Protein backbone atom coordinates (compact mmCIF):
# COMPACT_ATOMS: atom_id res chain seq x y z
CA MET A 1 0.03 -0.07 0.07
CA LEU A 2 1.19 3.56 -0.98
CA LEU A 3 0.23 6.85 0.29
CA ILE A 4 1.02 10.12 -1.44
CA LYS A 5 0.47 12.97 0.76
CA ASN A 6 0.81 16.57 1.09
CA GLY A 7 0.82 17.62 -2.60
CA LEU A 8 -1.68 19.43 -4.73
CA ILE A 9 -3.87 16.79 -5.99
CA ARG A 10 -5.40 17.34 -9.61
CA PRO A 11 -7.89 14.69 -9.86
CA ILE A 12 -9.06 16.08 -13.21
CA ASP A 13 -12.76 14.82 -12.61
CA GLY A 14 -12.98 17.39 -9.69
CA GLU A 15 -11.51 20.49 -8.13
CA ASP A 16 -7.99 20.39 -7.00
CA ILE A 17 -7.13 19.45 -3.55
CA PRO A 18 -4.35 21.45 -1.90
CA GLY A 19 -2.41 19.39 0.75
CA GLY A 20 -4.27 16.20 -0.44
CA GLN A 21 -3.64 12.55 -0.29
CA VAL A 22 -3.90 9.61 -2.82
CA LEU A 23 -3.74 6.20 -1.37
CA ILE A 24 -2.94 3.27 -3.63
CA ASP A 25 -3.26 -0.49 -3.27
CA ASN A 26 -2.94 -3.41 -5.56
CA GLY A 27 -2.64 -1.33 -8.57
CA LYS A 28 -5.55 0.67 -8.10
CA ILE A 29 -6.34 4.36 -6.50
CA LEU A 30 -8.19 3.19 -3.40
CA ALA A 31 -8.88 7.01 -2.04
CA VAL A 32 -8.21 10.64 -3.01
CA GLY A 33 -9.04 13.43 -0.62
CA LYS A 34 -7.87 16.09 2.08
CA THR A 35 -7.26 13.37 4.39
CA VAL A 36 -7.22 9.57 3.79
CA GLU A 37 -7.06 6.87 6.45
CA ALA A 38 -3.94 4.75 5.61
CA PRO A 39 -3.02 1.61 7.38
CA ALA A 40 0.07 1.22 9.50
CA GLY A 41 3.13 0.31 7.33
CA ALA A 42 1.88 1.80 4.40
CA GLU A 43 4.81 3.40 2.21
CA ILE A 44 4.63 6.98 2.39
CA LEU A 45 5.57 9.57 -0.47
CA ASP A 46 5.82 13.15 0.65
CA ALA A 47 4.81 15.22 -2.23
CA SER A 48 5.13 18.73 -0.39
CA GLY A 49 5.32 21.61 -2.75
CA CYS A 50 4.62 19.23 -5.58
CA LEU A 51 1.81 18.54 -8.10
CA VAL A 52 0.26 15.18 -8.19
CA ALA A 53 -1.77 14.21 -11.16
CA PRO A 54 -2.97 11.52 -13.39
CA GLY A 55 -0.64 10.03 -16.02
CA PHE A 56 -1.05 11.72 -19.37
CA VAL A 57 -3.11 9.79 -22.16
CA GLU A 58 -2.03 10.10 -25.80
CA GLY A 59 -4.81 9.47 -27.91
CA HIS A 60 -3.16 8.92 -31.35
CA CYS A 61 0.47 7.87 -32.17
CA HIS A 62 2.57 5.46 -33.55
CA ILE A 63 5.10 4.94 -30.62
CA GLY A 64 6.68 1.41 -30.58
CA LEU A 65 5.73 0.62 -34.24
CA ASP A 66 7.47 3.76 -35.77
CA GLU A 67 10.60 3.42 -33.53
CA GLU A 68 13.26 5.88 -32.80
CA ALA A 69 16.89 6.04 -33.96
CA ILE A 70 16.87 2.71 -35.77
CA GLY A 71 15.35 3.73 -39.32
CA PHE A 72 13.91 1.04 -41.56
CA GLU A 73 14.30 -1.77 -38.93
CA GLY A 74 12.01 -0.01 -36.56
CA ALA A 75 9.52 1.18 -39.41
CA ASP A 76 6.63 -1.19 -38.67
CA TYR A 77 3.67 0.97 -38.86
CA ASN A 78 2.78 1.08 -42.56
CA GLU A 79 2.43 -2.11 -44.59
CA SER A 80 2.42 -0.24 -47.95
CA THR A 81 1.88 -3.19 -50.35
CA ASP A 82 -1.79 -2.87 -50.29
CA PRO A 83 -4.22 0.31 -49.78
CA VAL A 84 -6.63 -1.82 -47.94
CA THR A 85 -5.11 -3.86 -44.85
CA PRO A 86 -7.81 -3.75 -42.09
CA HIS A 87 -6.26 -7.23 -40.88
CA MET A 88 -2.99 -5.51 -39.80
CA ARG A 89 -2.93 -5.42 -35.92
CA GLY A 90 -1.00 -2.71 -34.22
CA ILE A 91 -0.10 -5.18 -31.40
CA ASP A 92 1.89 -7.25 -33.85
CA GLY A 93 4.26 -4.31 -34.83
CA LEU A 94 4.72 -2.74 -31.36
CA ASN A 95 8.06 -3.03 -29.66
CA PRO A 96 8.20 -2.33 -25.89
CA MET A 97 12.04 -1.95 -26.22
CA ASP A 98 11.47 1.24 -28.22
CA GLU A 99 13.45 3.96 -26.15
CA ALA A 100 10.64 6.57 -26.71
CA LEU A 101 8.42 4.55 -24.42
CA PHE A 102 11.01 5.37 -21.52
CA ASP A 103 11.30 8.86 -22.48
CA ALA A 104 7.39 9.29 -22.33
CA TYR A 105 6.76 7.63 -18.99
CA SER A 106 9.79 9.39 -17.41
CA HIS A 107 7.89 12.67 -18.54
CA GLY A 108 4.57 11.70 -17.12
CA VAL A 109 2.85 10.09 -20.39
CA THR A 110 1.60 6.70 -18.92
CA THR A 111 -0.76 5.46 -21.53
CA ALA A 112 -0.68 5.72 -25.48
CA VAL A 113 -3.10 4.59 -28.04
CA THR A 114 -1.03 3.40 -30.86
CA GLY A 115 -1.22 1.59 -34.04
CA PRO A 116 -0.64 1.76 -38.07
CA GLY A 117 0.13 4.75 -40.02
CA SER A 118 -1.73 6.70 -42.83
CA ALA A 119 -0.14 5.31 -46.07
CA ASN A 120 -3.34 2.98 -46.43
CA VAL A 121 -6.84 3.85 -46.93
CA VAL A 122 -7.76 1.25 -44.32
CA GLY A 123 -4.60 0.48 -42.00
CA GLY A 124 -5.42 -1.72 -39.37
CA THR A 125 -6.27 -1.80 -35.79
CA PHE A 126 -5.04 0.64 -32.80
CA LEU A 127 -4.56 -0.47 -29.32
CA ALA A 128 -4.21 1.26 -26.02
CA VAL A 129 -1.30 0.28 -23.92
CA LYS A 130 0.66 1.24 -20.68
CA LEU A 131 4.00 2.57 -21.57
CA CYS A 132 6.23 0.47 -19.26
CA GLY A 133 6.68 -3.28 -19.78
CA ARG A 134 8.82 -6.01 -21.71
CA ARG A 135 5.95 -8.11 -23.20
CA VAL A 136 3.10 -6.08 -25.09
CA ASP A 137 0.52 -8.57 -24.23
CA ASP A 138 0.84 -7.61 -20.60
CA MET A 139 0.73 -3.87 -21.38
CA VAL A 140 -2.73 -3.76 -23.10
CA VAL A 141 -5.39 -1.45 -21.69
CA LYS A 142 -7.69 -2.32 -24.60
CA ASN A 143 -7.22 -4.07 -27.93
CA PRO A 144 -8.56 -3.25 -30.39
CA VAL A 145 -9.54 0.59 -29.84
CA ALA A 146 -10.31 1.57 -33.38
CA MET A 147 -9.70 0.83 -37.25
CA LYS A 148 -7.29 3.36 -38.75
CA ILE A 149 -8.37 5.00 -42.10
CA ALA A 150 -6.81 7.71 -43.99
CA PHE A 151 -7.83 10.50 -46.47
CA GLY A 152 -5.93 13.13 -48.30
CA GLU A 153 -2.17 13.20 -49.24
CA ASN A 154 -0.69 10.28 -47.65
CA PRO A 155 -2.69 7.58 -49.34
CA LYS A 156 -2.23 9.51 -52.59
CA ARG A 157 1.53 9.93 -52.17
CA CYS A 158 2.05 6.42 -51.55
CA TYR A 159 0.07 4.59 -54.18
CA GLY A 160 -0.30 7.45 -56.75
CA GLY A 161 3.27 7.91 -57.75
CA ASN A 162 5.39 5.36 -59.33
CA ASN A 163 3.05 2.69 -58.24
CA LYS A 164 0.24 3.66 -60.70
CA LYS A 165 -2.18 2.06 -58.28
CA ALA A 166 -5.39 3.27 -56.72
CA PRO A 167 -5.75 5.83 -55.11
CA ILE A 168 -4.30 8.54 -57.11
CA THR A 169 -7.32 10.83 -56.07
CA ARG A 170 -9.17 11.86 -53.20
CA MET A 171 -12.33 10.06 -55.19
CA GLY A 172 -10.18 6.91 -55.29
CA THR A 173 -9.58 7.12 -51.45
CA ALA A 174 -13.30 7.45 -50.83
CA ALA A 175 -14.15 4.77 -53.31
CA LEU A 176 -11.86 1.98 -51.94
CA LEU A 177 -13.28 2.73 -48.30
CA ARG A 178 -16.57 2.40 -49.58
CA GLU A 179 -15.99 -0.73 -51.15
CA THR A 180 -14.42 -2.10 -48.09
CA LEU A 181 -17.27 -1.07 -45.98
CA GLN A 182 -19.83 -2.48 -48.45
CA LYS A 183 -18.12 -5.73 -48.51
CA ALA A 184 -17.79 -5.95 -44.78
CA GLN A 185 -21.59 -5.09 -44.27
CA ASN A 186 -22.63 -8.04 -46.79
CA TYR A 187 -20.18 -10.42 -44.91
CA LYS A 188 -21.66 -9.51 -41.77
CA GLU A 189 -25.16 -9.81 -42.89
CA ALA A 190 -24.19 -13.11 -44.46
CA LEU A 191 -22.69 -14.49 -41.15
CA ASP A 192 -25.60 -13.14 -39.09
CA ALA A 193 -27.93 -14.93 -41.14
CA TRP A 194 -25.96 -18.19 -41.14
CA GLU A 195 -25.69 -17.87 -37.16
CA LYS A 196 -29.36 -17.29 -36.80
CA ASP A 197 -30.42 -20.17 -39.00
CA PRO A 198 -27.64 -22.36 -40.07
CA LYS A 199 -29.81 -24.84 -41.88
CA GLU A 200 -31.35 -22.32 -44.26
CA ASN A 201 -28.37 -20.16 -44.87
CA LYS A 202 -24.70 -20.89 -45.87
CA LYS A 203 -21.73 -19.71 -43.59
CA PRO A 204 -19.66 -17.22 -45.72
CA ASP A 205 -16.24 -18.17 -46.59
CA PHE A 206 -13.86 -16.76 -44.23
CA ASP A 207 -12.29 -13.69 -45.28
CA MET A 208 -9.64 -12.15 -42.88
CA LYS A 209 -9.82 -8.48 -44.09
CA LEU A 210 -13.63 -8.52 -43.91
CA HIS A 211 -13.62 -10.28 -40.59
CA ALA A 212 -11.30 -7.78 -39.22
CA MET A 213 -13.77 -5.15 -40.04
CA LEU A 214 -16.76 -6.92 -37.95
CA PRO A 215 -16.12 -4.82 -34.86
CA VAL A 216 -16.56 -1.68 -36.93
CA MET A 217 -19.71 -2.95 -38.61
CA ARG A 218 -21.12 -4.12 -35.24
CA GLY A 219 -20.61 -0.83 -33.45
CA GLU A 220 -17.89 -2.12 -31.29
CA ILE A 221 -15.01 0.33 -32.34
CA PRO A 222 -14.96 3.42 -34.43
CA LEU A 223 -13.14 4.46 -37.55
CA LYS A 224 -10.06 6.32 -36.68
CA SER A 225 -10.04 8.80 -39.52
CA HIS A 226 -6.82 10.56 -40.46
CA ALA A 227 -7.98 13.84 -42.22
CA HIS A 228 -6.30 17.18 -42.20
CA ARG A 229 -8.15 19.12 -44.90
CA ALA A 230 -11.91 20.37 -44.21
CA ASP A 231 -13.01 18.54 -47.41
CA ASP A 232 -11.56 15.38 -46.22
CA ILE A 233 -12.97 15.76 -42.73
CA PHE A 234 -16.43 16.23 -44.21
CA THR A 235 -15.75 12.98 -46.59
CA SER A 236 -15.04 10.74 -43.72
CA LEU A 237 -18.31 12.00 -41.92
CA ARG A 238 -20.20 11.39 -45.09
CA ILE A 239 -18.96 7.83 -45.45
CA ALA A 240 -19.34 6.87 -41.81
CA LYS A 241 -22.97 8.14 -41.95
CA GLU A 242 -23.73 6.05 -44.95
CA PHE A 243 -22.72 2.97 -43.20
CA GLY A 244 -23.93 3.96 -39.75
CA VAL A 245 -20.59 3.31 -38.04
CA GLY A 246 -18.76 5.02 -35.51
CA ILE A 247 -15.68 7.62 -36.25
CA THR A 248 -13.31 9.69 -34.53
CA LEU A 249 -11.63 12.77 -36.27
CA ASP A 250 -7.88 12.48 -36.05
CA HIS A 251 -5.80 15.39 -36.73
CA CYS A 252 -8.44 17.58 -37.68
CA THR A 253 -6.18 20.20 -38.51
CA GLU A 254 -8.67 22.54 -40.34
CA GLY A 255 -11.15 21.84 -37.56
CA HIS A 256 -11.16 25.63 -36.51
CA LEU A 257 -12.38 26.78 -40.05
CA ILE A 258 -15.37 24.29 -39.80
CA ALA A 259 -16.05 24.33 -36.16
CA GLU A 260 -19.70 25.33 -36.42
CA GLU A 261 -20.45 22.58 -38.98
CA LEU A 262 -18.44 20.00 -36.55
CA ALA A 263 -20.48 21.09 -33.81
CA ALA A 264 -23.58 19.90 -35.57
CA GLU A 265 -22.02 16.37 -35.96
CA GLN A 266 -20.83 15.89 -32.26
CA ARG A 267 -17.82 13.55 -33.28
CA PRO A 268 -14.75 13.43 -31.11
CA CYS A 269 -11.72 15.39 -32.48
CA LEU A 270 -8.18 14.41 -31.78
CA VAL A 271 -6.11 17.43 -32.72
CA GLY A 272 -2.41 17.47 -33.58
CA PRO A 273 0.47 17.07 -34.39
CA THR A 274 0.46 21.09 -34.12
CA PHE A 275 3.99 21.58 -32.85
CA GLY A 276 6.60 21.63 -35.87
CA SER A 277 6.58 22.83 -39.44
CA LYS A 278 3.90 22.87 -42.02
CA SER A 279 5.56 20.04 -43.78
CA LYS A 280 3.00 19.51 -46.60
CA PHE A 281 0.30 21.29 -48.26
CA GLU A 282 -2.77 20.18 -46.32
CA LEU A 283 -1.05 21.40 -43.20
CA LYS A 284 -1.10 25.22 -44.34
CA ASN A 285 -3.80 26.22 -41.90
CA LYS A 286 -2.18 24.39 -39.03
CA CYS A 287 -2.46 26.47 -35.92
CA TRP A 288 -2.79 26.36 -32.20
CA ASP A 289 -6.36 27.92 -32.20
CA THR A 290 -7.89 24.38 -33.39
CA PRO A 291 -8.51 22.96 -29.72
CA ARG A 292 -9.95 26.27 -28.39
CA ALA A 293 -12.26 26.76 -31.33
CA LEU A 294 -13.70 23.23 -31.13
CA VAL A 295 -14.00 23.12 -27.29
CA GLU A 296 -15.89 26.53 -27.54
CA LYS A 297 -18.49 24.80 -29.75
CA GLY A 298 -18.92 22.21 -27.43
CA LEU A 299 -16.90 19.35 -28.92
CA LYS A 300 -15.00 16.65 -27.15
CA VAL A 301 -11.32 17.33 -27.84
CA ALA A 302 -7.97 15.57 -27.18
CA ILE A 303 -4.50 17.01 -28.11
CA ILE A 304 -2.26 14.44 -29.82
CA THR A 305 1.53 14.25 -30.70
CA ASP A 306 1.22 11.44 -33.47
CA ALA A 307 4.43 10.51 -32.20
CA PRO A 308 7.36 10.23 -33.40
CA VAL A 309 6.23 13.20 -35.34
CA ILE A 310 6.35 15.05 -31.98
CA PRO A 311 8.22 13.00 -29.42
CA LEU A 312 5.63 11.75 -27.03
CA LYS A 313 7.25 13.32 -23.97
CA TYR A 314 6.17 16.72 -25.36
CA LEU A 315 2.32 16.06 -25.11
CA PRO A 316 2.28 18.47 -22.04
CA LEU A 317 4.11 21.15 -23.95
CA CYS A 318 1.46 20.74 -26.98
CA ALA A 319 -1.38 21.31 -24.20
CA GLY A 320 0.37 24.21 -22.66
CA LEU A 321 0.76 25.84 -26.40
CA ALA A 322 -2.92 25.34 -26.91
CA MET A 323 -3.30 27.16 -23.46
CA GLU A 324 -1.34 29.92 -24.76
CA ALA A 325 -3.80 30.20 -27.75
CA GLY A 326 -6.74 30.53 -25.55
CA LEU A 327 -7.67 26.99 -24.36
CA GLU A 328 -8.87 27.12 -20.82
CA GLU A 329 -6.33 25.49 -18.26
CA LYS A 330 -8.84 22.93 -17.08
CA GLU A 331 -9.88 21.90 -20.73
CA ALA A 332 -6.03 21.85 -21.73
CA TRP A 333 -5.62 19.24 -18.92
CA LYS A 334 -8.74 17.24 -19.97
CA ALA A 335 -7.32 17.27 -23.51
CA VAL A 336 -4.35 15.19 -22.58
CA THR A 337 -5.96 12.86 -19.73
CA LEU A 338 -9.61 12.29 -19.48
CA ASN A 339 -10.83 13.27 -23.10
CA PRO A 340 -8.55 10.78 -24.93
CA ALA A 341 -9.36 8.13 -22.24
CA GLU A 342 -13.06 8.82 -22.85
CA ILE A 343 -12.85 9.05 -26.79
CA THR A 344 -10.92 5.69 -26.87
CA GLY A 345 -13.12 3.76 -24.37
CA ILE A 346 -10.51 3.36 -21.70
CA ALA A 347 -11.86 5.94 -18.90
CA HIS A 348 -12.78 3.26 -16.65
CA ARG A 349 -9.12 2.52 -16.39
CA VAL A 350 -7.13 5.83 -16.76
CA GLY A 351 -7.46 9.61 -17.27
CA SER A 352 -8.37 10.82 -13.70
CA LEU A 353 -7.39 10.34 -10.12
CA THR A 354 -10.59 8.57 -9.20
CA PRO A 355 -11.09 5.66 -6.69
CA GLY A 356 -11.28 2.36 -8.59
CA LYS A 357 -9.27 3.39 -11.67
CA ASP A 358 -5.63 2.24 -12.26
CA ALA A 359 -2.89 3.69 -10.12
CA ASP A 360 -1.15 5.72 -12.86
CA VAL A 361 -0.03 8.81 -11.05
CA VAL A 362 2.68 11.26 -11.57
CA ILE A 363 4.58 13.75 -9.04
CA TYR A 364 5.88 16.93 -10.52
CA LYS A 365 7.98 19.74 -9.15
CA GLY A 366 6.13 22.39 -11.14
CA ASP A 367 3.36 22.69 -13.51
CA PRO A 368 4.08 20.76 -16.76
CA LEU A 369 1.53 22.71 -18.91
CA LYS A 370 3.06 26.01 -17.75
CA ASP A 371 6.58 25.66 -16.73
CA MET A 372 9.43 24.59 -19.06
CA GLN A 373 11.51 23.90 -16.10
CA CYS A 374 8.92 21.60 -14.60
CA LYS A 375 10.66 18.14 -13.42
CA THR A 376 8.86 14.77 -13.39
CA LEU A 377 9.86 13.35 -9.80
CA VAL A 378 7.96 10.13 -9.87
CA THR A 379 6.00 8.20 -12.15
CA ILE A 380 3.75 5.40 -10.95
CA ILE A 381 2.00 2.88 -13.53
CA ASP A 382 -0.40 0.38 -12.13
CA GLY A 383 0.70 1.10 -8.59
CA LYS A 384 4.40 0.67 -9.13
CA ILE A 385 7.07 3.31 -9.13
CA VAL A 386 8.47 2.75 -12.47
CA TYR A 387 10.42 6.16 -12.65
CA LYS A 388 12.20 8.13 -9.86
CA ALA A 389 14.40 11.28 -10.77
């Protein structure tokens, strides 16, 4: 049993508690409050003069699949041999030994939603993992979380150059996605009919790609839509509506230009990577106003790094820069903790200091969203101290 005491507790789902306490037992948060009863013999961490907060949650990245510092050998996030690969599973490409994971949790990021890149129109499944471990199976919070799809420049660039293969245009991207969803819908209907009455209906031949799409068609996981430009965002919404499937708007770079229209849709937005250069045409309107503009319209917003595009350890810096552009402090904290957890279906485990949730707790000297000299003193994942400065 571990008691953290005397810190400024930031639970996220409630008001700050000055001089508060957090009690941890068996990997879970047992109690949070001004005073907490702890049994004799409990380990004590004195957080006097420090901020105590939940571990940050990254809602969209490629950490562990697009590894740092090793080039091609660590590039396991784009199976760019076929534009439609729903049967790719992020879990099979994730290397827990990627040094970026340590860099992340030693800076307070404890959970990441990671998976395939955006070369393919349908890329495969994302999963949520804790960032400390040796075997990915033991790190999983949820798998799968979502099915990656991509619009805009990346699929065109990958297949429309020397490959002379669809998609060469945005029309081609949309057509391939529609074709995949229609085939998956037909496959689901045939499978449902066989399960309901196997005597009257034939079982469809197993198709690995279409079988991988079943969680989407059944409403169990959403499409995770890579879309920067406004027209690509609207195309992704149009297709999701046609097939009645869930969708999240990832990157959403021009979201501030269409905030009113997106408010009418009420789909979650995962905004980023905003820190860095405008490296391609579809990023020309990239700015830090986007999170604020979307939040002000009542949308649920997460801020993302798309790591390794921005190193995951800089997730709190991104939230701080959004604050500088007018995003309220409380909303900035939610955008890198509770909101991404809720959007990706893992808020029962992570995202706030709430009794019953996983004990992912970080102690800071300073405020990581405000102070460039803030120091991470202790990182706790599942109740275990995994980093100590």
